Amino acid sequence: MILELKPAQQKLLDRASRSGMSPEEVLDQAFSVIQEQYRNDDWIQAGKEAIAAQIAEGFEQAERGELIDAEQAVQLLADRRAKRRIA
């Protein structure tokens, strides 16, 4: 396969080759980044339903008057953060 590079892309390849990387290594890194973006997108898509359910639950709680004040919210978030650090 023959690819035609934009000048900025060619400069990047030239810079990478001066650092000891081959064009193949540069492309491998680029593809790794793209693959990671797709994995992140898949994760976000998979979590959308769960997030939507949590938002709906929050609205229902608010409609029932089950609200907390700002200080309680800050404390709740701090507690959750602390639990994540321990785990």
PDB file of N, CA and C in Angstrom:
ATOM      1  N   MET A   1       0.843  -1.171   0.000  1.00  0.00           N
ATOM      2  CA  MET A   1       0.000   0.000   0.000  1.00  0.00           C
ATOM      3  C   MET A   1       0.892   1.239   0.000  1.00  0.00           C
ATOM      4  N   ILE A   2       0.533   2.186  -0.812  1.00  0.00           N
ATOM      5  CA  ILE A   2       1.279   3.434  -0.875  1.00  0.00           C
ATOM      6  C   ILE A   2       0.401   4.534  -0.303  1.00  0.00           C
ATOM      7  N   LEU A   3       0.968   5.261   0.653  1.00  0.00           N
ATOM      8  CA  LEU A   3       0.244   6.364   1.283  1.00  0.00           C
ATOM      9  C   LEU A   3       0.914   7.671   0.918  1.00  0.00           C
ATOM     10  N   GLU A   4       0.098   8.671   0.680  1.00  0.00           N
ATOM     11  CA  GLU A   4       0.636  10.003   0.436  1.00  0.00           C
ATOM     12  C   GLU A   4       0.466  10.798   1.726  1.00  0.00           C
ATOM     13  N   LEU A   5       1.575  11.265   2.268  1.00  0.00           N
ATOM     14  CA  LEU A   5       1.545  11.964   3.540  1.00  0.00           C
ATOM     15  C   LEU A   5       1.428  13.465   3.345  1.00  0.00           C
ATOM     16  N   LYS A   6       0.756  14.078   4.281  1.00  0.00           N
ATOM     17  CA  LYS A   6       0.713  15.542   4.330  1.00  0.00           C
ATOM     18  C   LYS A   6       2.071  16.016   4.826  1.00  0.00           C
ATOM     19  N   PRO A   7       2.450  17.247   4.512  1.00  0.00           N
ATOM     20  CA  PRO A   7       3.757  17.742   4.958  1.00  0.00           C
ATOM     21  C   PRO A   7       3.960  17.630   6.469  1.00  0.00           C
ATOM     22  N   ALA A   8       2.936  17.919   7.250  1.00  0.00           N
ATOM     23  CA  ALA A   8       3.073  17.829   8.709  1.00  0.00           C
ATOM     24  C   ALA A   8       3.310  16.389   9.144  1.00  0.00           C
ATOM     25  N   GLN A   9       2.682  15.446   8.458  1.00  0.00           N
ATOM     26  CA  GLN A   9       2.873  14.034   8.790  1.00  0.00           C
ATOM     27  C   GLN A   9       4.295  13.589   8.433  1.00  0.00           C
ATOM     28  N   GLN A  10       4.784  14.066   7.296  1.00  0.00           N
ATOM     29  CA  GLN A  10       6.146  13.719   6.891  1.00  0.00           C
ATOM     30  C   GLN A  10       7.157  14.289   7.881  1.00  0.00           C
ATOM     31  N   LYS A  11       6.924  15.510   8.351  1.00  0.00           N
ATOM     32  CA  LYS A  11       7.816  16.111   9.347  1.00  0.00           C
ATOM     33  C   LYS A  11       7.839  15.279  10.619  1.00  0.00           C
ATOM     34  N   LEU A  12       6.680  14.779  11.017  1.00  0.00           N
ATOM     35  CA  LEU A  12       6.606  13.946  12.210  1.00  0.00           C
ATOM     36  C   LEU A  12       7.388  12.653  12.024  1.00  0.00           C
ATOM     37  N   LEU A  13       7.244  12.038  10.869  1.00  0.00           N
ATOM     38  CA  LEU A  13       8.014  10.821  10.585  1.00  0.00           C
ATOM     39  C   LEU A  13       9.514  11.105  10.571  1.00  0.00           C
ATOM     40  N   ASP A  14       9.888  12.233   9.981  1.00  0.00           N
ATOM     41  CA  ASP A  14      11.304  12.605   9.938  1.00  0.00           C
ATOM     42  C   ASP A  14      11.840  12.816  11.354  1.00  0.00           C
ATOM     43  N   ARG A  15      11.068  13.493  12.169  1.00  0.00           N
ATOM     44  CA  ARG A  15      11.482  13.753  13.559  1.00  0.00           C
ATOM     45  C   ARG A  15      11.617  12.435  14.327  1.00  0.00           C
ATOM     46  N   ALA A  16      10.655  11.556  14.133  1.00  0.00           N
ATOM     47  CA  ALA A  16      10.699  10.263  14.814  1.00  0.00           C
ATOM     48  C   ALA A  16      11.909   9.450  14.352  1.00  0.00           C
ATOM     49  N   SER A  17      12.213   9.497  13.069  1.00  0.00           N
ATOM     50  CA  SER A  17      13.352   8.720  12.569  1.00  0.00           C
ATOM     51  C   SER A  17      14.663   9.263  13.133  1.00  0.00           C
ATOM     52  N   ARG A  18      14.730  10.577  13.367  1.00  0.00           N
ATOM     53  CA  ARG A  18      15.930  11.146  13.982  1.00  0.00           C
ATOM     54  C   ARG A  18      16.079  10.680  15.431  1.00  0.00           C
ATOM     55  N   SER A  19      14.981  10.340  16.058  1.00  0.00           N
ATOM     56  CA  SER A  19      15.044   9.862  17.445  1.00  0.00           C
ATOM     57  C   SER A  19      15.284   8.352  17.505  1.00  0.00           C
ATOM     58  N   GLY A  20      15.374   7.723  16.341  1.00  0.00           N
ATOM     59  CA  GLY A  20      15.652   6.297  16.312  1.00  0.00           C
ATOM     60  C   GLY A  20      14.450   5.427  16.007  1.00  0.00           C
ATOM     61  N   MET A  21      13.270   6.025  15.880  1.00  0.00           N
ATOM     62  CA  MET A  21      12.070   5.241  15.564  1.00  0.00           C
ATOM     63  C   MET A  21      11.967   5.042  14.057  1.00  0.00           C
ATOM     64  N   SER A  22      11.500   3.886  13.692  1.00  0.00           N
ATOM     65  CA  SER A  22      11.249   3.627  12.275  1.00  0.00           C
ATOM     66  C   SER A  22       9.841   4.119  11.935  1.00  0.00           C
ATOM     67  N   PRO A  23       9.561   4.346  10.657  1.00  0.00           N
ATOM     68  CA  PRO A  23       8.191   4.728  10.276  1.00  0.00           C
ATOM     69  C   PRO A  23       7.164   3.688  10.731  1.00  0.00           C
ATOM     70  N   GLU A  24       7.554   2.420  10.714  1.00  0.00           N
ATOM     71  CA  GLU A  24       6.642   1.369  11.159  1.00  0.00           C
ATOM     72  C   GLU A  24       6.323   1.518  12.643  1.00  0.00           C
ATOM     73  N   GLU A  25       7.323   1.870  13.446  1.00  0.00           N
ATOM     74  CA  GLU A  25       7.099   2.066  14.881  1.00  0.00           C
ATOM     75  C   GLU A  25       6.180   3.264  15.138  1.00  0.00           C
ATOM     76  N   VAL A  26       6.358   4.313  14.353  1.00  0.00           N
ATOM     77  CA  VAL A  26       5.484   5.485  14.485  1.00  0.00           C
ATOM     78  C   VAL A  26       4.048   5.088  14.172  1.00  0.00           C
ATOM     79  N   LEU A  27       3.857   4.346  13.096  1.00  0.00           N
ATOM     80  CA  LEU A  27       2.511   3.907  12.728  1.00  0.00           C
ATOM     81  C   LEU A  27       1.935   2.962  13.775  1.00  0.00           C
ATOM     82  N   ASP A  28       2.773   2.068  14.323  1.00  0.00           N
ATOM     83  CA  ASP A  28       2.298   1.185  15.387  1.00  0.00           C
ATOM     84  C   ASP A  28       1.778   1.992  16.564  1.00  0.00           C
ATOM     85  N   GLN A  29       2.504   3.042  16.945  1.00  0.00           N
ATOM     86  CA  GLN A  29       2.048   3.889  18.051  1.00  0.00           C
ATOM     87  C   GLN A  29       0.753   4.613  17.698  1.00  0.00           C
ATOM     88  N   ALA A  30       0.669   5.100  16.483  1.00  0.00           N
ATOM     89  CA  ALA A  30      -0.542   5.799  16.053  1.00  0.00           C
ATOM     90  C   ALA A  30      -1.741   4.866  16.087  1.00  0.00           C
ATOM     91  N   PHE A  31      -1.553   3.653  15.604  1.00  0.00           N
ATOM     92  CA  PHE A  31      -2.657   2.693  15.624  1.00  0.00           C
ATOM     93  C   PHE A  31      -3.035   2.296  17.045  1.00  0.00           C
ATOM     94  N   SER A  32      -2.059   2.239  17.927  1.00  0.00           N
ATOM     95  CA  SER A  32      -2.352   1.940  19.334  1.00  0.00           C
ATOM     96  C   SER A  32      -3.234   3.025  19.947  1.00  0.00           C
ATOM     97  N   VAL A  33      -2.930   4.268  19.624  1.00  0.00           N
ATOM     98  CA  VAL A  33      -3.738   5.386  20.133  1.00  0.00           C
ATOM     99  C   VAL A  33      -5.163   5.298  19.592  1.00  0.00           C
ATOM    100  N   ILE A  34      -5.295   5.019  18.319  1.00  0.00           N
ATOM    101  CA  ILE A  34      -6.618   4.897  17.710  1.00  0.00           C
ATOM    102  C   ILE A  34      -7.393   3.747  18.343  1.00  0.00           C
ATOM    103  N   GLN A  35      -6.717   2.625  18.545  1.00  0.00           N
ATOM    104  CA  GLN A  35      -7.367   1.463  19.150  1.00  0.00           C
ATOM    105  C   GLN A  35      -7.838   1.786  20.570  1.00  0.00           C
ATOM    106  N   GLU A  36      -7.029   2.497  21.323  1.00  0.00           N
ATOM    107  CA  GLU A  36      -7.407   2.879  22.687  1.00  0.00           C
ATOM    108  C   GLU A  36      -8.623   3.806  22.664  1.00  0.00           C
ATOM    109  N   GLN A  37      -8.674   4.713  21.693  1.00  0.00           N
ATOM    110  CA  GLN A  37      -9.838   5.596  21.572  1.00  0.00           C
ATOM    111  C   GLN A  37     -11.097   4.791  21.293  1.00  0.00           C
ATOM    112  N   TYR A  38     -11.000   3.783  20.447  1.00  0.00           N
ATOM    113  CA  TYR A  38     -12.161   2.935  20.169  1.00  0.00           C
ATOM    114  C   TYR A  38     -12.588   2.164  21.409  1.00  0.00           C
ATOM    115  N   ARG A  39     -11.606   1.664  22.172  1.00  0.00           N
ATOM    116  CA  ARG A  39     -11.945   0.958  23.411  1.00  0.00           C
ATOM    117  C   ARG A  39     -12.655   1.891  24.386  1.00  0.00           C
ATOM    118  N   ASN A  40     -12.159   3.118  24.501  1.00  0.00           N
ATOM    119  CA  ASN A  40     -12.803   4.089  25.389  1.00  0.00           C
ATOM    120  C   ASN A  40     -14.214   4.396  24.915  1.00  0.00           C
ATOM    121  N   ASP A  41     -14.394   4.541  23.614  1.00  0.00           N
ATOM    122  CA  ASP A  41     -15.716   4.824  23.065  1.00  0.00           C
ATOM    123  C   ASP A  41     -16.666   3.660  23.339  1.00  0.00           C
ATOM    124  N   ASP A  42     -16.176   2.433  23.180  1.00  0.00           N
ATOM    125  CA  ASP A  42     -17.000   1.253  23.467  1.00  0.00           C
ATOM    126  C   ASP A  42     -17.417   1.240  24.928  1.00  0.00           C
ATOM    127  N   TRP A  43     -16.468   1.599  25.820  1.00  0.00           N
ATOM    128  CA  TRP A  43     -16.760   1.625  27.253  1.00  0.00           C
ATOM    129  C   TRP A  43     -17.831   2.670  27.559  1.00  0.00           C
ATOM    130  N   ILE A  44     -17.701   3.842  26.949  1.00  0.00           N
ATOM    131  CA  ILE A  44     -18.680   4.908  27.165  1.00  0.00           C
ATOM    132  C   ILE A  44     -20.052   4.483  26.656  1.00  0.00           C
ATOM    133  N   GLN A  45     -20.085   3.892  25.464  1.00  0.00           N
ATOM    134  CA  GLN A  45     -21.357   3.444  24.902  1.00  0.00           C
ATOM    135  C   GLN A  45     -22.013   2.398  25.796  1.00  0.00           C
ATOM    136  N   ALA A  46     -21.207   1.476  26.325  1.00  0.00           N
ATOM    137  CA  ALA A  46     -21.742   0.421  27.182  1.00  0.00           C
ATOM    138  C   ALA A  46     -22.290   1.001  28.477  1.00  0.00           C
ATOM    139  N   GLY A  47     -21.683   2.085  28.949  1.00  0.00           N
ATOM    140  CA  GLY A  47     -22.121   2.684  30.208  1.00  0.00           C
ATOM    141  C   GLY A  47     -23.261   3.662  30.076  1.00  0.00           C
ATOM    142  N   LYS A  48     -23.640   4.022  28.854  1.00  0.00           N
ATOM    143  CA  LYS A  48     -24.690   5.028  28.665  1.00  0.00           C
ATOM    144  C   LYS A  48     -26.010   4.641  29.321  1.00  0.00           C
ATOM    145  N   GLU A  49     -26.394   3.386  29.183  1.00  0.00           N
ATOM    146  CA  GLU A  49     -27.665   2.956  29.767  1.00  0.00           C
ATOM    147  C   GLU A  49     -27.622   3.048  31.284  1.00  0.00           C
ATOM    148  N   ALA A  50     -26.505   2.645  31.872  1.00  0.00           N
ATOM    149  CA  ALA A  50     -26.374   2.711  33.330  1.00  0.00           C
ATOM    150  C   ALA A  50     -26.383   4.154  33.801  1.00  0.00           C
ATOM    151  N   ILE A  51     -25.699   5.018  33.080  1.00  0.00           N
ATOM    152  CA  ILE A  51     -25.668   6.433  33.441  1.00  0.00           C
ATOM    153  C   ILE A  51     -27.058   7.038  33.315  1.00  0.00           C
ATOM    154  N   ALA A  52     -27.760   6.719  32.236  1.00  0.00           N
ATOM    155  CA  ALA A  52     -29.115   7.243  32.037  1.00  0.00           C
ATOM    156  C   ALA A  52     -30.036   6.781  33.163  1.00  0.00           C
ATOM    157  N   ALA A  53     -29.879   5.533  33.602  1.00  0.00           N
ATOM    158  CA  ALA A  53     -30.702   5.021  34.699  1.00  0.00           C
ATOM    159  C   ALA A  53     -30.404   5.753  35.997  1.00  0.00           C
ATOM    160  N   GLN A  54     -29.129   6.049  36.249  1.00  0.00           N
ATOM    161  CA  GLN A  54     -28.772   6.784  37.455  1.00  0.00           C
ATOM    162  C   GLN A  54     -29.324   8.209  37.422  1.00  0.00           C
ATOM    163  N   ILE A  55     -29.281   8.843  36.275  1.00  0.00           N
ATOM    164  CA  ILE A  55     -29.827  10.196  36.140  1.00  0.00           C
ATOM    165  C   ILE A  55     -31.334  10.174  36.371  1.00  0.00           C
ATOM    166  N   ALA A  56     -32.004   9.204  35.768  1.00  0.00           N
ATOM    167  CA  ALA A  56     -33.457   9.089  35.955  1.00  0.00           C
ATOM    168  C   ALA A  56     -33.788   8.874  37.430  1.00  0.00           C
ATOM    169  N   GLU A  57     -33.006   8.034  38.094  1.00  0.00           N
ATOM    170  CA  GLU A  57     -33.225   7.794  39.524  1.00  0.00           C
ATOM    171  C   GLU A  57     -33.046   9.087  40.324  1.00  0.00           C
ATOM    172  N   GLY A  58     -32.045   9.866  39.969  1.00  0.00           N
ATOM    173  CA  GLY A  58     -31.809  11.141  40.650  1.00  0.00           C
ATOM    174  C   GLY A  58     -32.965  12.109  40.468  1.00  0.00           C
ATOM    175  N   PHE A  59     -33.499  12.182  39.256  1.00  0.00           N
ATOM    176  CA  PHE A  59     -34.656  13.046  39.015  1.00  0.00           C
ATOM    177  C   PHE A  59     -35.868  12.589  39.824  1.00  0.00           C
ATOM    178  N   GLU A  60     -36.065  11.271  39.873  1.00  0.00           N
ATOM    179  CA  GLU A  60     -37.190  10.742  40.653  1.00  0.00           C
ATOM    180  C   GLU A  60     -37.025  11.071  42.138  1.00  0.00           C
ATOM    181  N   GLN A  61     -35.812  10.944  42.642  1.00  0.00           N
ATOM    182  CA  GLN A  61     -35.558  11.287  44.037  1.00  0.00           C
ATOM    183  C   GLN A  61     -35.827  12.771  44.284  1.00  0.00           C
ATOM    184  N   ALA A  62     -35.415  13.610  43.359  1.00  0.00           N
ATOM    185  CA  ALA A  62     -35.642  15.047  43.503  1.00  0.00           C
ATOM    186  C   ALA A  62     -37.128  15.368  43.500  1.00  0.00           C
ATOM    187  N   GLU A  63     -37.871  14.713  42.621  1.00  0.00           N
ATOM    188  CA  GLU A  63     -39.315  14.939  42.565  1.00  0.00           C
ATOM    189  C   GLU A  63     -40.005  14.527  43.858  1.00  0.00           C
ATOM    190  N   ARG A  64     -39.441  13.512  44.534  1.00  0.00           N
ATOM    191  CA  ARG A  64     -40.007  13.070  45.810  1.00  0.00           C
ATOM    192  C   ARG A  64     -39.505  13.926  46.974  1.00  0.00           C
ATOM    193  N   GLY A  65     -38.619  14.874  46.681  1.00  0.00           N
ATOM    194  CA  GLY A  65     -38.088  15.733  47.728  1.00  0.00           C
ATOM    195  C   GLY A  65     -36.920  15.134  48.484  1.00  0.00           C
ATOM    196  N   GLU A  66     -36.337  14.094  47.952  1.00  0.00           N
ATOM    197  CA  GLU A  66     -35.218  13.425  48.615  1.00  0.00           C
ATOM    198  C   GLU A  66     -33.901  14.072  48.187  1.00  0.00           C
ATOM    199  N   LEU A  67     -33.712  15.308  48.602  1.00  0.00           N
ATOM    200  CA  LEU A  67     -32.525  16.060  48.207  1.00  0.00           C
ATOM    201  C   LEU A  67     -31.585  16.204  49.392  1.00  0.00           C
ATOM    202  N   ILE A  68     -30.309  16.468  49.093  1.00  0.00           N
ATOM    203  CA  ILE A  68     -29.343  16.755  50.144  1.00  0.00           C
ATOM    204  C   ILE A  68     -28.764  18.132  49.884  1.00  0.00           C
ATOM    205  N   ASP A  69     -28.266  18.765  50.944  1.00  0.00           N
ATOM    206  CA  ASP A  69     -27.703  20.098  50.758  1.00  0.00           C
ATOM    207  C   ASP A  69     -26.268  19.987  50.242  1.00  0.00           C
ATOM    208  N   ALA A  70     -25.675  21.139  49.944  1.00  0.00           N
ATOM    209  CA  ALA A  70     -24.349  21.171  49.333  1.00  0.00           C
ATOM    210  C   ALA A  70     -23.294  20.516  50.224  1.00  0.00           C
ATOM    211  N   GLU A  71     -23.337  20.780  51.515  1.00  0.00           N
ATOM    212  CA  GLU A  71     -22.341  20.202  52.422  1.00  0.00           C
ATOM    213  C   GLU A  71     -22.433  18.677  52.431  1.00  0.00           C
ATOM    214  N   GLN A  72     -23.654  18.164  52.435  1.00  0.00           N
ATOM    215  CA  GLN A  72     -23.832  16.709  52.412  1.00  0.00           C
ATOM    216  C   GLN A  72     -23.316  16.120  51.103  1.00  0.00           C
ATOM    217  N   ALA A  73     -23.547  16.828  49.996  1.00  0.00           N
ATOM    218  CA  ALA A  73     -23.082  16.348  48.691  1.00  0.00           C
ATOM    219  C   ALA A  73     -21.561  16.307  48.645  1.00  0.00           C
ATOM    220  N   VAL A  74     -20.920  17.353  49.158  1.00  0.00           N
ATOM    221  CA  VAL A  74     -19.454  17.392  49.176  1.00  0.00           C
ATOM    222  C   VAL A  74     -18.923  16.240  50.028  1.00  0.00           C
ATOM    223  N   GLN A  75     -19.534  16.009  51.181  1.00  0.00           N
ATOM    224  CA  GLN A  75     -19.089  14.921  52.050  1.00  0.00           C
ATOM    225  C   GLN A  75     -19.299  13.553  51.382  1.00  0.00           C
ATOM    226  N   LEU A  76     -20.422  13.383  50.720  1.00  0.00           N
ATOM    227  CA  LEU A  76     -20.706  12.130  50.029  1.00  0.00           C
ATOM    228  C   LEU A  76     -19.642  11.846  48.966  1.00  0.00           C
ATOM    229  N   LEU A  77     -19.288  12.871  48.180  1.00  0.00           N
ATOM    230  CA  LEU A  77     -18.263  12.700  47.144  1.00  0.00           C
ATOM    231  C   LEU A  77     -16.900  12.419  47.761  1.00  0.00           C
ATOM    232  N   ALA A  78     -16.581  13.094  48.855  1.00  0.00           N
ATOM    233  CA  ALA A  78     -15.297  12.853  49.529  1.00  0.00           C
ATOM    234  C   ALA A  78     -15.226  11.420  50.046  1.00  0.00           C
ATOM    235  N   ASP A  79     -16.323  10.929  50.608  1.00  0.00           N
ATOM    236  CA  ASP A  79     -16.362   9.549  51.098  1.00  0.00           C
ATOM    237  C   ASP A  79     -16.162   8.557  49.958  1.00  0.00           C
ATOM    238  N   ARG A  80     -16.803   8.814  48.829  1.00  0.00           N
ATOM    239  CA  ARG A  80     -16.659   7.918  47.673  1.00  0.00           C
ATOM    240  C   ARG A  80     -15.219   7.904  47.170  1.00  0.00           C
ATOM    241  N   ARG A  81     -14.599   9.103  47.115  1.00  0.00           N
ATOM    242  CA  ARG A  81     -13.207   9.186  46.677  1.00  0.00           C
ATOM    243  C   ARG A  81     -12.290   8.400  47.615  1.00  0.00           C
ATOM    244  N   ALA A  82     -12.532   8.552  48.906  1.00  0.00           N
ATOM    245  CA  ALA A  82     -11.718   7.837  49.898  1.00  0.00           C
ATOM    246  C   ALA A  82     -11.862   6.332  49.733  1.00  0.00           C
ATOM    247  N   LYS A  83     -13.057   5.853  49.474  1.00  0.00           N
ATOM    248  CA  LYS A  83     -13.267   4.416  49.276  1.00  0.00           C
ATOM    249  C   LYS A  83     -12.521   3.912  48.041  1.00  0.00           C
ATOM    250  N   ARG A  84     -12.507   4.732  46.963  1.00  0.00           N
ATOM    251  CA  ARG A  84     -11.804   4.323  45.745  1.00  0.00           C
ATOM    252  C   ARG A  84     -10.305   4.249  45.997  1.00  0.00           C
ATOM    253  N   ARG A  85      -9.774   5.157  46.810  1.00  0.00           N
ATOM    254  CA  ARG A  85      -8.325   5.142  47.094  1.00  0.00           C
ATOM    255  C   ARG A  85      -7.942   3.899  47.872  1.00  0.00           C
ATOM    256  N   ILE A  86      -8.829   3.451  48.757  1.00  0.00           N
ATOM    257  CA  ILE A  86      -8.553   2.273  49.574  1.00  0.00           C
ATOM    258  C   ILE A  86      -8.583   1.018  48.726  1.00  0.00           C
ATOM    259  N   ALA A  87      -9.516   0.965  47.784  1.00  0.00           N
ATOM    260  CA  ALA A  87      -9.695  -0.235  46.945  1.00  0.00           C
ATOM    261  C   ALA A  87      -8.614  -0.443  45.960  1.00  0.00           C
TER     262      ALA A  87
END
